[in-house]
Amino acid sequence: MDPERLGLVLGNQVGNRVKHTPTGAEVRDTGEGIAPVQQARSFEKFYRAPGAPAGGAGLGLSIAKDIVQAHGGDIGVTSAPGQGCTFWFTLPRREEAGPVDS
């Protein structure tokens, strides 16, 4: 496990939630949502959904996907237009306890 790289994944996930949540709203599934046809492209390099706020190069989710998959995990999104998004990722369980190499 690479804690630094997984920290990038978490930072991307939290940063996107804050960026796409209206001011004063809960940072939980309250953004503009993503149409189903755009969800599949969300993890492509340089992809930016139509109407997305300015800023960013469209690399964050692509990098997060590469990192999560390199750790044997999976990443995805559940969303509907006007109903926010839930981005998630899973990692396999570590079988044996012990120190993590850094």
PDB file of N, CA and C in Angstrom:
ATOM      1  N   MET A   1       0.841  -1.173   0.000  1.00  0.00           N
ATOM      2  CA  MET A   1       0.000   0.000   0.000  1.00  0.00           C
ATOM      3  C   MET A   1       0.885   1.234   0.000  1.00  0.00           C
ATOM      4  N   ASP A   2       0.535   2.219  -0.780  1.00  0.00           N
ATOM      5  CA  ASP A   2       1.264   3.471  -0.860  1.00  0.00           C
ATOM      6  C   ASP A   2       0.408   4.571  -0.233  1.00  0.00           C
ATOM      7  N   PRO A   3       0.627   4.885   1.047  1.00  0.00           N
ATOM      8  CA  PRO A   3      -0.211   5.872   1.737  1.00  0.00           C
ATOM      9  C   PRO A   3      -0.216   7.245   1.061  1.00  0.00           C
ATOM     10  N   GLU A   4       0.902   7.645   0.491  1.00  0.00           N
ATOM     11  CA  GLU A   4       0.958   8.960  -0.159  1.00  0.00           C
ATOM     12  C   GLU A   4       0.025   9.014  -1.369  1.00  0.00           C
ATOM     13  N   ARG A   5       0.069   7.985  -2.176  1.00  0.00           N
ATOM     14  CA  ARG A   5      -0.797   7.953  -3.369  1.00  0.00           C
ATOM     15  C   ARG A   5      -2.274   7.823  -2.984  1.00  0.00           C
ATOM     16  N   LEU A   6      -2.570   7.018  -1.980  1.00  0.00           N
ATOM     17  CA  LEU A   6      -3.961   6.902  -1.544  1.00  0.00           C
ATOM     18  C   LEU A   6      -4.437   8.212  -0.923  1.00  0.00           C
ATOM     19  N   GLY A   7      -3.524   8.975  -0.331  1.00  0.00           N
ATOM     20  CA  GLY A   7      -3.863  10.314   0.157  1.00  0.00           C
ATOM     21  C   GLY A   7      -4.281  11.224  -0.984  1.00  0.00           C
ATOM     22  N   LEU A   8      -3.640  11.067  -2.146  1.00  0.00           N
ATOM     23  CA  LEU A   8      -4.038  11.834  -3.332  1.00  0.00           C
ATOM     24  C   LEU A   8      -5.463  11.474  -3.761  1.00  0.00           C
ATOM     25  N   VAL A   9      -5.797  10.192  -3.688  1.00  0.00           N
ATOM     26  CA  VAL A   9      -7.145   9.755  -4.051  1.00  0.00           C
ATOM     27  C   VAL A   9      -8.160  10.406  -3.115  1.00  0.00           C
ATOM     28  N   LEU A  10      -7.912  10.330  -1.819  1.00  0.00           N
ATOM     29  CA  LEU A  10      -8.839  10.932  -0.856  1.00  0.00           C
ATOM     30  C   LEU A  10      -8.934  12.442  -1.052  1.00  0.00           C
ATOM     31  N   GLY A  11      -7.798  13.092  -1.280  1.00  0.00           N
ATOM     32  CA  GLY A  11      -7.800  14.537  -1.516  1.00  0.00           C
ATOM     33  C   GLY A  11      -8.613  14.902  -2.740  1.00  0.00           C
ATOM     34  N   ASN A  12      -8.488  14.113  -3.802  1.00  0.00           N
ATOM     35  CA  ASN A  12      -9.271  14.353  -5.015  1.00  0.00           C
ATOM     36  C   ASN A  12     -10.753  14.193  -4.733  1.00  0.00           C
ATOM     37  N   GLN A  13     -11.123  13.137  -4.026  1.00  0.00           N
ATOM     38  CA  GLN A  13     -12.531  12.886  -3.739  1.00  0.00           C
ATOM     39  C   GLN A  13     -13.144  14.017  -2.913  1.00  0.00           C
ATOM     40  N   VAL A  14     -12.463  14.440  -1.859  1.00  0.00           N
ATOM     41  CA  VAL A  14     -12.977  15.510  -1.005  1.00  0.00           C
ATOM     42  C   VAL A  14     -12.985  16.841  -1.765  1.00  0.00           C
ATOM     43  N   GLY A  15     -11.908  17.129  -2.494  1.00  0.00           N
ATOM     44  CA  GLY A  15     -11.836  18.378  -3.253  1.00  0.00           C
ATOM     45  C   GLY A  15     -12.960  18.499  -4.275  1.00  0.00           C
ATOM     46  N   ASN A  16     -13.250  17.413  -4.981  1.00  0.00           N
ATOM     47  CA  ASN A  16     -14.345  17.440  -5.952  1.00  0.00           C
ATOM     48  C   ASN A  16     -15.691  17.649  -5.270  1.00  0.00           C
ATOM     49  N   ARG A  17     -15.872  17.041  -4.125  1.00  0.00           N
ATOM     50  CA  ARG A  17     -17.148  17.214  -3.415  1.00  0.00           C
ATOM     51  C   ARG A  17     -17.350  18.672  -3.018  1.00  0.00           C
ATOM     52  N   VAL A  18     -16.304  19.291  -2.511  1.00  0.00           N
ATOM     53  CA  VAL A  18     -16.398  20.690  -2.105  1.00  0.00           C
ATOM     54  C   VAL A  18     -16.627  21.581  -3.327  1.00  0.00           C
ATOM     55  N   LYS A  19     -15.905  21.314  -4.394  1.00  0.00           N
ATOM     56  CA  LYS A  19     -15.987  22.126  -5.617  1.00  0.00           C
ATOM     57  C   LYS A  19     -17.379  22.079  -6.258  1.00  0.00           C
ATOM     58  N   HIS A  20     -18.036  20.940  -6.192  1.00  0.00           N
ATOM     59  CA  HIS A  20     -19.312  20.758  -6.880  1.00  0.00           C
ATOM     60  C   HIS A  20     -20.512  20.822  -5.939  1.00  0.00           C
ATOM     61  N   THR A  21     -20.329  21.340  -4.749  1.00  0.00           N
ATOM     62  CA  THR A  21     -21.422  21.484  -3.797  1.00  0.00           C
ATOM     63  C   THR A  21     -21.724  22.970  -3.633  1.00  0.00           C
ATOM     64  N   PRO A  22     -22.983  23.355  -3.721  1.00  0.00           N
ATOM     65  CA  PRO A  22     -23.334  24.769  -3.567  1.00  0.00           C
ATOM     66  C   PRO A  22     -22.881  25.318  -2.213  1.00  0.00           C
ATOM     67  N   THR A  23     -22.544  26.605  -2.181  1.00  0.00           N
ATOM     68  CA  THR A  23     -22.119  27.268  -0.953  1.00  0.00           C
ATOM     69  C   THR A  23     -23.182  27.090   0.130  1.00  0.00           C
ATOM     70  N   GLY A  24     -22.733  26.729   1.314  1.00  0.00           N
ATOM     71  CA  GLY A  24     -23.630  26.566   2.457  1.00  0.00           C
ATOM     72  C   GLY A  24     -24.323  25.221   2.531  1.00  0.00           C
ATOM     73  N   ALA A  25     -24.137  24.375   1.530  1.00  0.00           N
ATOM     74  CA  ALA A  25     -24.797  23.065   1.535  1.00  0.00           C
ATOM     75  C   ALA A  25     -23.906  22.034   2.214  1.00  0.00           C
ATOM     76  N   GLU A  26     -24.515  20.919   2.587  1.00  0.00           N
ATOM     77  CA  GLU A  26     -23.750  19.797   3.125  1.00  0.00           C
ATOM     78  C   GLU A  26     -22.870  19.235   2.031  1.00  0.00           C
ATOM     79  N   VAL A  27     -21.680  18.803   2.383  1.00  0.00           N
ATOM     80  CA  VAL A  27     -20.796  18.180   1.400  1.00  0.00           C
ATOM     81  C   VAL A  27     -21.155  16.698   1.344  1.00  0.00           C
ATOM     82  N   ARG A  28     -22.351  16.459   0.867  1.00  0.00           N
ATOM     83  CA  ARG A  28     -22.837  15.083   0.760  1.00  0.00           C
ATOM     84  C   ARG A  28     -23.927  15.002  -0.289  1.00  0.00           C
ATOM     85  N   ASP A  29     -23.580  14.579  -1.463  1.00  0.00           N
ATOM     86  CA  ASP A  29     -24.545  14.249  -2.497  1.00  0.00           C
ATOM     87  C   ASP A  29     -25.563  15.362  -2.764  1.00  0.00           C
ATOM     88  N   THR A  30     -25.101  16.612  -2.830  1.00  0.00           N
ATOM     89  CA  THR A  30     -26.027  17.723  -3.057  1.00  0.00           C
ATOM     90  C   THR A  30     -25.677  18.544  -4.295  1.00  0.00           C
ATOM     91  N   GLY A  31     -24.712  18.094  -5.083  1.00  0.00           N
ATOM     92  CA  GLY A  31     -24.284  18.851  -6.258  1.00  0.00           C
ATOM     93  C   GLY A  31     -25.240  18.695  -7.425  1.00  0.00           C
ATOM     94  N   GLU A  32     -24.763  19.095  -8.596  1.00  0.00           N
ATOM     95  CA  GLU A  32     -25.616  19.117  -9.786  1.00  0.00           C
ATOM     96  C   GLU A  32     -25.849  17.748 -10.416  1.00  0.00           C
ATOM     97  N   GLY A  33     -25.088  16.762 -10.056  1.00  0.00           N
ATOM     98  CA  GLY A  33     -25.262  15.424 -10.614  1.00  0.00           C
ATOM     99  C   GLY A  33     -24.602  15.263 -11.967  1.00  0.00           C
ATOM    100  N   ILE A  34     -24.505  14.042 -12.431  1.00  0.00           N
ATOM    101  CA  ILE A  34     -23.877  13.712 -13.711  1.00  0.00           C
ATOM    102  C   ILE A  34     -24.823  12.804 -14.483  1.00  0.00           C
ATOM    103  N   ALA A  35     -25.084  13.169 -15.726  1.00  0.00           N
ATOM    104  CA  ALA A  35     -25.953  12.342 -16.573  1.00  0.00           C
ATOM    105  C   ALA A  35     -25.314  10.969 -16.786  1.00  0.00           C
ATOM    106  N   PRO A  36     -26.128   9.924 -16.914  1.00  0.00           N
ATOM    107  CA  PRO A  36     -25.594   8.566 -17.094  1.00  0.00           C
ATOM    108  C   PRO A  36     -24.592   8.445 -18.247  1.00  0.00           C
ATOM    109  N   VAL A  37     -24.825   9.119 -19.360  1.00  0.00           N
ATOM    110  CA  VAL A  37     -23.898   9.004 -20.491  1.00  0.00           C
ATOM    111  C   VAL A  37     -22.543   9.628 -20.177  1.00  0.00           C
ATOM    112  N   GLN A  38     -22.502  10.571 -19.242  1.00  0.00           N
ATOM    113  CA  GLN A  38     -21.242  11.206 -18.864  1.00  0.00           C
ATOM    114  C   GLN A  38     -20.524  10.449 -17.758  1.00  0.00           C
ATOM    115  N   GLN A  39     -21.241   9.673 -16.984  1.00  0.00           N
ATOM    116  CA  GLN A  39     -20.626   8.950 -15.866  1.00  0.00           C
ATOM    117  C   GLN A  39     -19.518   8.025 -16.331  1.00  0.00           C
ATOM    118  N   ALA A  40     -19.725   7.319 -17.421  1.00  0.00           N
ATOM    119  CA  ALA A  40     -18.715   6.389 -17.922  1.00  0.00           C
ATOM    120  C   ALA A  40     -17.435   7.109 -18.326  1.00  0.00           C
ATOM    121  N   ARG A  41     -17.541   8.374 -18.710  1.00  0.00           N
ATOM    122  CA  ARG A  41     -16.372   9.136 -19.159  1.00  0.00           C
ATOM    123  C   ARG A  41     -15.695   9.880 -18.008  1.00  0.00           C
ATOM    124  N   SER A  42     -16.297   9.931 -16.851  1.00  0.00           N
ATOM    125  CA  SER A  42     -15.780  10.721 -15.729  1.00  0.00           C
ATOM    126  C   SER A  42     -14.345  10.392 -15.349  1.00  0.00           C
ATOM    127  N   PHE A  43     -13.895   9.185 -15.622  1.00  0.00           N
ATOM    128  CA  PHE A  43     -12.563   8.748 -15.214  1.00  0.00           C
ATOM    129  C   PHE A  43     -11.545   8.785 -16.359  1.00  0.00           C
ATOM    130  N   GLU A  44     -11.953   9.342 -17.515  1.00  0.00           N
ATOM    131  CA  GLU A  44     -11.040   9.483 -18.647  1.00  0.00           C
ATOM    132  C   GLU A  44     -10.124  10.690 -18.440  1.00  0.00           C
ATOM    133  N   LYS A  45      -8.884  10.573 -18.915  1.00  0.00           N
ATOM    134  CA  LYS A  45      -7.957  11.700 -18.838  1.00  0.00           C
ATOM    135  C   LYS A  45      -8.523  12.890 -19.605  1.00  0.00           C
ATOM    136  N   PHE A  46      -8.419  14.072 -18.991  1.00  0.00           N
ATOM    137  CA  PHE A  46      -8.797  15.356 -19.570  1.00  0.00           C
ATOM    138  C   PHE A  46     -10.294  15.535 -19.788  1.00  0.00           C
ATOM    139  N   TYR A  47     -11.109  14.591 -19.350  1.00  0.00           N
ATOM    140  CA  TYR A  47     -12.552  14.751 -19.540  1.00  0.00           C
ATOM    141  C   TYR A  47     -13.105  15.734 -18.515  1.00  0.00           C
ATOM    142  N   ARG A  48     -13.892  16.664 -19.003  1.00  0.00           N
ATOM    143  CA  ARG A  48     -14.611  17.614 -18.148  1.00  0.00           C
ATOM    144  C   ARG A  48     -16.059  17.618 -18.608  1.00  0.00           C
ATOM    145  N   ALA A  49     -16.959  17.375 -17.693  1.00  0.00           N
ATOM    146  CA  ALA A  49     -18.376  17.315 -18.040  1.00  0.00           C
ATOM    147  C   ALA A  49     -18.849  18.676 -18.544  1.00  0.00           C
ATOM    148  N   PRO A  50     -19.751  18.683 -19.514  1.00  0.00           N
ATOM    149  CA  PRO A  50     -20.307  19.948 -19.987  1.00  0.00           C
ATOM    150  C   PRO A  50     -20.921  20.727 -18.825  1.00  0.00           C
ATOM    151  N   GLY A  51     -20.603  22.018 -18.748  1.00  0.00           N
ATOM    152  CA  GLY A  51     -21.124  22.871 -17.682  1.00  0.00           C
ATOM    153  C   GLY A  51     -20.351  22.798 -16.380  1.00  0.00           C
ATOM    154  N   ALA A  52     -19.254  22.033 -16.347  1.00  0.00           N
ATOM    155  CA  ALA A  52     -18.446  21.923 -15.124  1.00  0.00           C
ATOM    156  C   ALA A  52     -17.829  23.285 -14.805  1.00  0.00           C
ATOM    157  N   PRO A  53     -17.653  23.605 -13.517  1.00  0.00           N
ATOM    158  CA  PRO A  53     -17.027  24.876 -13.152  1.00  0.00           C
ATOM    159  C   PRO A  53     -15.626  24.996 -13.755  1.00  0.00           C
ATOM    160  N   ALA A  54     -15.225  26.229 -14.016  1.00  0.00           N
ATOM    161  CA  ALA A  54     -13.891  26.474 -14.575  1.00  0.00           C
ATOM    162  C   ALA A  54     -12.814  26.008 -13.601  1.00  0.00           C
ATOM    163  N   GLY A  55     -11.662  25.678 -14.139  1.00  0.00           N
ATOM    164  CA  GLY A  55     -10.544  25.237 -13.309  1.00  0.00           C
ATOM    165  C   GLY A  55     -10.357  23.739 -13.400  1.00  0.00           C
ATOM    166  N   GLY A  56      -9.147  23.320 -13.192  1.00  0.00           N
ATOM    167  CA  GLY A  56      -8.841  21.893 -13.262  1.00  0.00           C
ATOM    168  C   GLY A  56      -8.573  21.461 -14.685  1.00  0.00           C
ATOM    169  N   ALA A  57      -7.795  20.409 -14.812  1.00  0.00           N
ATOM    170  CA  ALA A  57      -7.405  19.922 -16.130  1.00  0.00           C
ATOM    171  C   ALA A  57      -8.154  18.656 -16.525  1.00  0.00           C
ATOM    172  N   GLY A  58      -9.005  18.141 -15.646  1.00  0.00           N
ATOM    173  CA  GLY A  58      -9.696  16.905 -15.956  1.00  0.00           C
ATOM    174  C   GLY A  58      -8.831  15.678 -15.755  1.00  0.00           C
ATOM    175  N   LEU A  59      -7.879  15.771 -14.826  1.00  0.00           N
ATOM    176  CA  LEU A  59      -6.982  14.638 -14.574  1.00  0.00           C
ATOM    177  C   LEU A  59      -7.222  13.954 -13.230  1.00  0.00           C
ATOM    178  N   GLY A  60      -7.849  14.630 -12.290  1.00  0.00           N
ATOM    179  CA  GLY A  60      -7.965  14.106 -10.929  1.00  0.00           C
ATOM    180  C   GLY A  60      -8.579  12.726 -10.834  1.00  0.00           C
ATOM    181  N   LEU A  61      -9.737  12.531 -11.466  1.00  0.00           N
ATOM    182  CA  LEU A  61     -10.401  11.234 -11.373  1.00  0.00           C
ATOM    183  C   LEU A  61      -9.648  10.153 -12.142  1.00  0.00           C
ATOM    184  N   SER A  62      -8.997  10.530 -13.232  1.00  0.00           N
ATOM    185  CA  SER A  62      -8.193   9.570 -13.984  1.00  0.00           C
ATOM    186  C   SER A  62      -7.009   9.081 -13.152  1.00  0.00           C
ATOM    187  N   ILE A  63      -6.352  10.003 -12.494  1.00  0.00           N
ATOM    188  CA  ILE A  63      -5.224   9.644 -11.619  1.00  0.00           C
ATOM    189  C   ILE A  63      -5.713   8.789 -10.457  1.00  0.00           C
ATOM    190  N   ALA A  64      -6.840   9.194  -9.851  1.00  0.00           N
ATOM    191  CA  ALA A  64      -7.401   8.419  -8.742  1.00  0.00           C
ATOM    192  C   ALA A  64      -7.706   6.988  -9.193  1.00  0.00           C
ATOM    193  N   LYS A  65      -8.266   6.843 -10.387  1.00  0.00           N
ATOM    194  CA  LYS A  65      -8.583   5.505 -10.910  1.00  0.00           C
ATOM    195  C   LYS A  65      -7.316   4.673 -11.078  1.00  0.00           C
ATOM    196  N   ASP A  66      -6.281   5.263 -11.650  1.00  0.00           N
ATOM    197  CA  ASP A  66      -5.021   4.538 -11.834  1.00  0.00           C
ATOM    198  C   ASP A  66      -4.445   4.067 -10.501  1.00  0.00           C
ATOM    199  N   ILE A  67      -4.476   4.939  -9.496  1.00  0.00           N
ATOM    200  CA  ILE A  67      -3.921   4.601  -8.177  1.00  0.00           C
ATOM    201  C   ILE A  67      -4.732   3.488  -7.522  1.00  0.00           C
ATOM    202  N   VAL A  68      -6.051   3.642  -7.513  1.00  0.00           N
ATOM    203  CA  VAL A  68      -6.909   2.640  -6.881  1.00  0.00           C
ATOM    204  C   VAL A  68      -6.749   1.287  -7.568  1.00  0.00           C
ATOM    205  N   GLN A  69      -6.731   1.277  -8.898  1.00  0.00           N
ATOM    206  CA  GLN A  69      -6.579   0.011  -9.612  1.00  0.00           C
ATOM    207  C   GLN A  69      -5.196  -0.601  -9.397  1.00  0.00           C
ATOM    208  N   ALA A  70      -4.166   0.237  -9.256  1.00  0.00           N
ATOM    209  CA  ALA A  70      -2.824  -0.283  -8.978  1.00  0.00           C
ATOM    210  C   ALA A  70      -2.767  -0.971  -7.614  1.00  0.00           C
ATOM    211  N   HIS A  71      -3.667  -0.601  -6.720  1.00  0.00           N
ATOM    212  CA  HIS A  71      -3.748  -1.230  -5.398  1.00  0.00           C
ATOM    213  C   HIS A  71      -4.750  -2.390  -5.383  1.00  0.00           C
ATOM    214  N   GLY A  72      -5.260  -2.767  -6.557  1.00  0.00           N
ATOM    215  CA  GLY A  72      -6.187  -3.889  -6.639  1.00  0.00           C
ATOM    216  C   GLY A  72      -7.614  -3.530  -6.311  1.00  0.00           C
ATOM    217  N   GLY A  73      -7.940  -2.241  -6.303  1.00  0.00           N
ATOM    218  CA  GLY A  73      -9.282  -1.805  -5.947  1.00  0.00           C
ATOM    219  C   GLY A  73     -10.117  -1.400  -7.144  1.00  0.00           C
ATOM    220  N   ASP A  74     -11.255  -0.823  -6.848  1.00  0.00           N
ATOM    221  CA  ASP A  74     -12.196  -0.373  -7.870  1.00  0.00           C
ATOM    222  C   ASP A  74     -12.694   1.009  -7.483  1.00  0.00           C
ATOM    223  N   ILE A  75     -13.136   1.790  -8.482  1.00  0.00           N
ATOM    224  CA  ILE A  75     -13.606   3.149  -8.246  1.00  0.00           C
ATOM    225  C   ILE A  75     -14.787   3.394  -9.170  1.00  0.00           C
ATOM    226  N   GLY A  76     -15.745   4.187  -8.725  1.00  0.00           N
ATOM    227  CA  GLY A  76     -16.900   4.451  -9.564  1.00  0.00           C
ATOM    228  C   GLY A  76     -17.712   5.624  -9.064  1.00  0.00           C
ATOM    229  N   VAL A  77     -18.844   5.841  -9.727  1.00  0.00           N
ATOM    230  CA  VAL A  77     -19.749   6.940  -9.393  1.00  0.00           C
ATOM    231  C   VAL A  77     -21.184   6.469  -9.545  1.00  0.00           C
ATOM    232  N   THR A  78     -22.038   6.958  -8.656  1.00  0.00           N
ATOM    233  CA  THR A  78     -23.473   6.769  -8.739  1.00  0.00           C
ATOM    234  C   THR A  78     -24.065   8.171  -8.738  1.00  0.00           C
ATOM    235  N   SER A  79     -24.909   8.489  -9.726  1.00  0.00           N
ATOM    236  CA  SER A  79     -25.410   9.854  -9.827  1.00  0.00           C
ATOM    237  C   SER A  79     -26.660   9.910 -10.680  1.00  0.00           C
ATOM    238  N   ALA A  80     -27.371  11.017 -10.519  1.00  0.00           N
ATOM    239  CA  ALA A  80     -28.505  11.356 -11.372  1.00  0.00           C
ATOM    240  C   ALA A  80     -28.538  12.875 -11.479  1.00  0.00           C
ATOM    241  N   PRO A  81     -28.830  13.404 -12.667  1.00  0.00           N
ATOM    242  CA  PRO A  81     -28.874  14.861 -12.819  1.00  0.00           C
ATOM    243  C   PRO A  81     -29.800  15.510 -11.793  1.00  0.00           C
ATOM    244  N   GLY A  82     -29.305  16.567 -11.176  1.00  0.00           N
ATOM    245  CA  GLY A  82     -30.072  17.290 -10.170  1.00  0.00           C
ATOM    246  C   GLY A  82     -30.131  16.632  -8.811  1.00  0.00           C
ATOM    247  N   GLN A  83     -29.488  15.486  -8.655  1.00  0.00           N
ATOM    248  CA  GLN A  83     -29.565  14.758  -7.383  1.00  0.00           C
ATOM    249  C   GLN A  83     -28.195  14.453  -6.794  1.00  0.00           C
ATOM    250  N   GLY A  84     -27.172  15.120  -7.258  1.00  0.00           N
ATOM    251  CA  GLY A  84     -25.844  14.929  -6.681  1.00  0.00           C
ATOM    252  C   GLY A  84     -25.158  13.665  -7.156  1.00  0.00           C
ATOM    253  N   CYS A  85     -23.989  13.410  -6.575  1.00  0.00           N
ATOM    254  CA  CYS A  85     -23.157  12.272  -6.952  1.00  0.00           C
ATOM    255  C   CYS A  85     -22.601  11.603  -5.716  1.00  0.00           C
ATOM    256  N   THR A  86     -22.361  10.333  -5.843  1.00  0.00           N
ATOM    257  CA  THR A  86     -21.606   9.610  -4.838  1.00  0.00           C
ATOM    258  C   THR A  86     -20.442   8.934  -5.557  1.00  0.00           C
ATOM    259  N   PHE A  87     -19.232   9.443  -5.328  1.00  0.00           N
ATOM    260  CA  PHE A  87     -18.029   8.799  -5.846  1.00  0.00           C
ATOM    261  C   PHE A  87     -17.520   7.877  -4.766  1.00  0.00           C
ATOM    262  N   TRP A  88     -17.085   6.697  -5.140  1.00  0.00           N
ATOM    263  CA  TRP A  88     -16.649   5.703  -4.162  1.00  0.00           C
ATOM    264  C   TRP A  88     -15.423   4.974  -4.687  1.00  0.00           C
ATOM    265  N   PHE A  89     -14.707   4.368  -3.769  1.00  0.00           N
ATOM    266  CA  PHE A  89     -13.641   3.450  -4.163  1.00  0.00           C
ATOM    267  C   PHE A  89     -13.485   2.389  -3.097  1.00  0.00           C
ATOM    268  N   THR A  90     -13.006   1.227  -3.529  1.00  0.00           N
ATOM    269  CA  THR A  90     -12.759   0.112  -2.619  1.00  0.00           C
ATOM    270  C   THR A  90     -11.309  -0.318  -2.769  1.00  0.00           C
ATOM    271  N   LEU A  91     -10.789  -0.877  -1.714  1.00  0.00           N
ATOM    272  CA  LEU A  91      -9.441  -1.455  -1.716  1.00  0.00           C
ATOM    273  C   LEU A  91      -9.530  -2.832  -1.080  1.00  0.00           C
ATOM    274  N   PRO A  92      -8.701  -3.763  -1.546  1.00  0.00           N
ATOM    275  CA  PRO A  92      -8.743  -5.084  -0.927  1.00  0.00           C
ATOM    276  C   PRO A  92      -8.243  -5.019   0.512  1.00  0.00           C
ATOM    277  N   ARG A  93      -8.747  -5.913   1.305  1.00  0.00           N
ATOM    278  CA  ARG A  93      -8.321  -6.010   2.698  1.00  0.00           C
ATOM    279  C   ARG A  93      -6.933  -6.587   2.793  1.00  0.00           C
ATOM    280  N   ARG A  94      -6.149  -6.045   3.666  1.00  0.00           N
ATOM    281  CA  ARG A  94      -4.816  -6.584   3.901  1.00  0.00           C
ATOM    282  C   ARG A  94      -4.967  -7.824   4.761  1.00  0.00           C
ATOM    283  N   GLU A  95      -4.401  -8.933   4.325  1.00  0.00           N
ATOM    284  CA  GLU A  95      -4.600 -10.220   4.988  1.00  0.00           C
ATOM    285  C   GLU A  95      -3.827 -10.376   6.299  1.00  0.00           C
ATOM    286  N   GLU A  96      -2.621  -9.847   6.361  1.00  0.00           N
ATOM    287  CA  GLU A  96      -1.824 -10.024   7.565  1.00  0.00           C
ATOM    288  C   GLU A  96      -1.494  -8.681   8.186  1.00  0.00           C
ATOM    289  N   ALA A  97      -1.511  -8.642   9.484  1.00  0.00           N
ATOM    290  CA  ALA A  97      -1.171  -7.409  10.186  1.00  0.00           C
ATOM    291  C   ALA A  97       0.345  -7.251  10.220  1.00  0.00           C
ATOM    292  N   GLY A  98       0.774  -6.045  10.292  1.00  0.00           N
ATOM    293  CA  GLY A  98       2.206  -5.763  10.339  1.00  0.00           C
ATOM    294  C   GLY A  98       2.465  -4.347   9.876  1.00  0.00           C
ATOM    295  N   PRO A  99       3.701  -3.911   9.989  1.00  0.00           N
ATOM    296  CA  PRO A  99       4.013  -2.544   9.588  1.00  0.00           C
ATOM    297  C   PRO A  99       3.858  -2.345   8.083  1.00  0.00           C
ATOM    298  N   VAL A 100       3.472  -1.148   7.716  1.00  0.00           N
ATOM    299  CA  VAL A 100       3.338  -0.777   6.302  1.00  0.00           C
ATOM    300  C   VAL A 100       4.648  -0.162   5.867  1.00  0.00           C
ATOM    301  N   ASP A 101       5.218  -0.656   4.759  1.00  0.00           N
ATOM    302  CA  ASP A 101       6.444  -0.072   4.220  1.00  0.00           C
ATOM    303  C   ASP A 101       6.135   1.310   3.695  1.00  0.00           C
ATOM    304  N   SER A 102       7.043   2.248   3.954  1.00  0.00           N
ATOM    305  CA  SER A 102       6.818   3.599   3.435  1.00  0.00           C
ATOM    306  C   SER A 102       7.843   3.968   2.415  1.00  0.00           C
TER     307      SER A 102
END
